[in-house]
């Protein structure tokens, strides 16, 4: 029983790190993703194509590779290495901002142009049309794909152990190395399931609340 309590406390400590990565990534990647989406839809080619290229590179390479690049790259180049947690956050924020940007872009471009035109007829500015007419419809459209990305983010936090961040999976593996037992790793899955279960309930509630906004 004592080893079970020890493992549980260690995984709870790792869960806090996992939650920090998750929360900080969303806090920064969501607004950044919206900005990137506007850039990718820009009619100015010097803005549009570099952003399109960045999205292509980030979405086309593994997150683990990006973590290694930001975690160990500066040191290999002879530059003082950055804090590992900062490296993790840069990799996660940039990665998920690019994925979110494509979801935002799809949601915005999916709104019928007639609604923009109707807003202009009513004398609204472009920003007023977007925030008063378009935004909530976009949110309604992007909730399902966003919920999938949120759940993926929870599981992707386990990749942070690649550059020595002590999240849930790292703490579970530590007991496997020291005690030569497998159950802590499987037990860690319970924490991920609980985290994802809570998010699923939250998104289900949000979808019901937004049923009023039908695109």
Protein backbone atom coordinates (compact mmCIF):
# COMPACT_ATOMS: atom_id res chain seq x y z
CA UNK A 1 0.00 0.00 0.00
CA UNK A 2 2.84 2.40 0.80
CA UNK A 3 4.28 2.11 -2.72
CA UNK A 4 0.81 2.79 -4.17
CA UNK A 5 0.51 5.99 -2.12
CA UNK A 6 4.04 7.03 -3.11
CA UNK A 7 3.30 6.47 -6.79
CA UNK A 8 -0.04 8.30 -6.54
CA UNK A 9 1.55 11.34 -4.90
CA UNK A 10 4.31 11.38 -7.52
CA UNK A 11 1.78 11.18 -10.38
CA UNK A 12 -0.28 13.97 -8.81
CA UNK A 13 2.85 16.09 -8.77
CA UNK A 14 3.39 15.24 -12.43
CA UNK A 15 -0.26 16.05 -13.12
CA UNK A 16 0.32 19.61 -11.90
CA UNK A 17 3.16 20.02 -14.41
CA UNK A 18 0.96 18.51 -17.12
CA UNK A 19 -1.82 20.94 -16.25
CA UNK A 20 0.56 23.91 -16.38
CA UNK A 21 1.77 22.93 -19.85
CA UNK A 22 -1.83 22.42 -20.97
CA UNK A 23 -3.19 25.69 -19.53
CA UNK A 24 -0.27 27.90 -20.61
CA UNK A 25 -0.31 26.43 -24.11
CA UNK A 26 -4.00 27.28 -24.52
CA UNK A 27 -3.58 30.71 -22.97
CA UNK A 28 -0.94 31.67 -25.55
CA UNK A 29 -1.69 29.44 -28.55
CA UNK A 30 -5.37 30.36 -28.95
CA UNK A 31 -4.84 34.13 -29.50
CA UNK A 32 -1.64 33.48 -31.47
CA UNK A 33 -3.49 30.98 -33.64
CA UNK A 34 -6.19 33.57 -34.40
CA UNK A 35 -3.51 36.09 -35.41
CA UNK A 36 -1.78 33.50 -37.61
CA UNK A 37 -5.10 32.62 -39.24
CA UNK A 38 -5.64 36.27 -40.20
CA UNK A 39 -2.13 36.32 -41.65
CA UNK A 40 -2.74 33.15 -43.68
CA UNK A 41 -5.92 34.72 -45.11
CA UNK A 42 -4.22 38.03 -45.86
CA UNK A 43 -4.30 39.33 -49.43
CA UNK A 44 -0.76 40.66 -48.94
CA UNK A 45 1.52 37.95 -50.34
CA UNK A 46 4.59 39.00 -48.33
CA UNK A 47 2.56 38.26 -45.18
CA UNK A 48 0.50 35.33 -46.40
CA UNK A 49 3.15 33.03 -47.89
CA UNK A 50 5.74 33.11 -45.07
CA UNK A 51 2.95 32.30 -42.62
CA UNK A 52 1.67 29.52 -44.89
CA UNK A 53 5.22 28.14 -45.01
CA UNK A 54 5.54 28.26 -41.22
CA UNK A 55 2.24 26.40 -40.80
CA UNK A 56 3.37 23.79 -43.33
CA UNK A 57 6.67 23.20 -41.53
CA UNK A 58 5.17 23.03 -38.05
CA UNK A 59 2.28 20.77 -39.04
CA UNK A 60 4.53 18.61 -41.20
CA UNK A 61 7.14 17.78 -38.53
CA UNK A 62 6.71 15.82 -35.27
CA UNK A 63 6.19 17.77 -32.05
CA UNK A 64 8.89 15.64 -30.46
CA UNK A 65 11.40 16.91 -33.04
CA UNK A 66 10.35 20.49 -32.35
CA UNK A 67 10.85 19.92 -28.62
CA UNK A 68 14.36 18.59 -29.26
CA UNK A 69 15.19 21.55 -31.53
CA UNK A 70 14.11 24.14 -28.94
CA UNK A 71 15.42 22.15 -25.99
CA UNK A 72 18.86 21.18 -27.25
CA UNK A 73 19.34 23.27 -30.41
CA UNK A 74 20.66 26.44 -28.74
CA UNK A 75 23.27 24.44 -26.79
CA UNK A 76 24.45 22.60 -29.91
CA UNK A 77 24.91 25.97 -31.62
CA UNK A 78 27.10 27.18 -28.76
CA UNK A 79 24.38 29.43 -27.37
CA UNK A 80 23.50 29.32 -23.70
CA UNK A 81 20.62 26.86 -23.51
CA UNK A 82 17.25 28.18 -22.45
CA UNK A 83 15.34 26.82 -19.49
CA UNK A 84 13.80 23.46 -20.45
CA UNK A 85 10.30 24.47 -19.38
CA UNK A 86 10.53 27.61 -21.52
CA UNK A 87 11.68 25.45 -24.45
CA UNK A 88 8.69 23.16 -23.94
CA UNK A 89 6.30 26.10 -23.88
CA UNK A 90 7.75 27.63 -27.07
CA UNK A 91 7.44 24.31 -28.91
CA UNK A 92 3.91 23.60 -27.66
CA UNK A 93 2.60 27.12 -28.22
CA UNK A 94 4.01 27.38 -31.75
CA UNK A 95 2.84 23.89 -32.68
CA UNK A 96 -0.71 24.29 -31.41
CA UNK A 97 -1.04 27.88 -32.63
CA UNK A 98 -0.47 26.62 -36.17
CA UNK A 99 -3.06 23.86 -35.77
CA UNK A 100 -5.55 26.25 -34.16
CA UNK A 101 -4.97 28.77 -36.97
CA UNK A 102 -6.19 26.29 -39.56
CA UNK A 103 -9.29 25.56 -37.48
CA UNK A 104 -9.97 29.29 -37.09
CA UNK A 105 -9.42 29.83 -40.82
CA UNK A 106 -11.84 27.07 -41.73
CA UNK A 107 -14.45 28.43 -39.35
CA UNK A 108 -14.15 32.01 -40.59
CA UNK A 109 -14.14 31.10 -44.27
CA UNK A 110 -17.14 28.84 -43.72
CA UNK A 111 -19.40 31.76 -42.83
CA UNK A 112 -21.52 32.81 -45.85
CA UNK A 113 -20.35 36.08 -47.39
CA UNK A 114 -23.94 37.30 -47.37
CA UNK A 115 -23.69 37.81 -43.62
CA UNK A 116 -20.76 40.17 -44.03
CA UNK A 117 -22.67 42.05 -46.70
CA UNK A 118 -25.76 42.25 -44.49
CA UNK A 119 -23.67 43.76 -41.72
CA UNK A 120 -22.29 46.39 -44.06
CA UNK A 121 -25.84 47.26 -45.18
CA UNK A 122 -26.70 47.83 -41.51
CA UNK A 123 -23.83 50.31 -41.30
CA UNK A 124 -21.51 48.13 -39.23
CA UNK A 125 -17.74 48.29 -39.58
CA UNK A 126 -15.74 45.17 -40.48
CA UNK A 127 -14.71 44.66 -36.85
CA UNK A 128 -18.31 45.09 -35.65
CA UNK A 129 -19.53 42.57 -38.22
CA UNK A 130 -16.91 40.08 -37.08
CA UNK A 131 -17.49 40.43 -33.33
CA UNK A 132 -21.28 40.94 -33.36
CA UNK A 133 -22.35 38.63 -36.18
CA UNK A 134 -19.59 36.25 -37.21
CA UNK A 135 -17.62 35.37 -34.07
CA UNK A 136 -20.19 33.27 -32.20
CA UNK A 137 -21.04 31.36 -35.37
CA UNK A 138 -17.34 30.65 -35.87
CA UNK A 139 -17.06 29.45 -32.26
CA UNK A 140 -20.03 27.13 -32.81
CA UNK A 141 -18.42 25.67 -35.94
CA UNK A 142 -14.96 25.13 -34.44
CA UNK A 143 -15.98 23.59 -31.10
CA UNK A 144 -15.84 19.93 -32.34
CA UNK A 145 -12.37 20.18 -33.97
CA UNK A 146 -11.11 22.31 -31.08
CA UNK A 147 -12.28 19.73 -28.55
CA UNK A 148 -10.25 17.10 -30.42
CA UNK A 149 -7.16 19.33 -30.32
CA UNK A 150 -7.61 19.97 -26.60
CA UNK A 151 -7.76 16.24 -25.90
CA UNK A 152 -4.71 15.67 -28.10
CA UNK A 153 -2.86 18.38 -26.20
CA UNK A 154 -3.48 16.59 -22.90
CA UNK A 155 -1.85 13.45 -24.28
CA UNK A 156 0.92 15.34 -26.09
CA UNK A 157 2.11 16.82 -22.80
CA UNK A 158 3.69 13.41 -22.19
CA UNK A 159 6.23 14.30 -24.90
CA UNK A 160 7.67 16.96 -22.59
CA UNK A 161 9.64 14.22 -20.83
CA UNK A 162 11.76 14.09 -24.01
CA UNK A 163 13.70 17.08 -22.70
CA UNK A 164 13.55 16.16 -19.01
CA UNK A 165 10.31 17.77 -17.86
CA UNK A 166 8.88 15.79 -14.95
CA UNK A 167 5.25 15.39 -15.98
CA UNK A 168 2.98 12.37 -15.39
CA UNK A 169 4.68 9.93 -17.75
CA UNK A 170 8.18 10.79 -16.56
CA UNK A 171 7.20 10.20 -12.94
CA UNK A 172 5.60 6.86 -13.86
CA UNK A 173 8.70 5.75 -15.79
CA UNK A 174 10.88 6.70 -12.84
CA UNK A 175 9.27 3.96 -10.75
CA UNK A 176 9.62 1.48 -13.59
CA UNK A 177 13.36 2.16 -13.70
CA UNK A 178 13.88 1.96 -9.96
CA UNK A 179 11.44 -0.79 -8.98
CA UNK A 180 11.27 -2.71 -12.29
CA UNK A 181 7.47 -2.72 -12.24
CA UNK A 182 5.04 -1.84 -15.00
CA UNK A 183 1.83 -0.88 -13.23
CA UNK A 184 2.76 2.80 -12.53
CA UNK A 185 2.84 3.45 -16.29
CA UNK A 186 -0.62 1.93 -16.76
CA UNK A 187 -1.82 3.72 -13.63
CA UNK A 188 -0.73 7.04 -15.18
CA UNK A 189 -3.30 6.38 -17.90
CA UNK A 190 -6.04 6.83 -15.29
CA UNK A 191 -4.92 10.44 -14.78
CA UNK A 192 -5.00 11.15 -18.52
CA UNK A 193 -8.43 9.52 -18.82
CA UNK A 194 -9.78 11.61 -15.95
CA UNK A 195 -8.35 14.82 -17.45
CA UNK A 196 -9.80 14.04 -20.89
CA UNK A 197 -13.11 12.99 -19.34
CA UNK A 198 -13.51 16.35 -17.61
CA UNK A 199 -12.72 18.19 -20.85
CA UNK A 200 -15.23 16.06 -22.76
CA UNK A 201 -17.97 16.99 -20.29
CA UNK A 202 -17.05 20.68 -20.51
CA UNK A 203 -17.15 20.70 -24.30
CA UNK A 204 -20.43 18.82 -24.30
CA UNK A 205 -21.90 21.52 -22.07
CA UNK A 206 -20.51 24.31 -24.28
CA UNK A 207 -21.94 22.72 -27.43
CA UNK A 208 -25.40 22.58 -25.87
CA UNK A 209 -25.16 26.22 -24.81
CA UNK A 210 -24.19 27.24 -28.34
CA UNK A 211 -27.02 25.36 -30.05
CA UNK A 212 -28.70 28.74 -30.52
CA UNK A 213 -26.00 29.79 -32.98
CA UNK A 214 -26.58 27.72 -36.08
CA UNK A 215 -24.50 28.56 -39.12
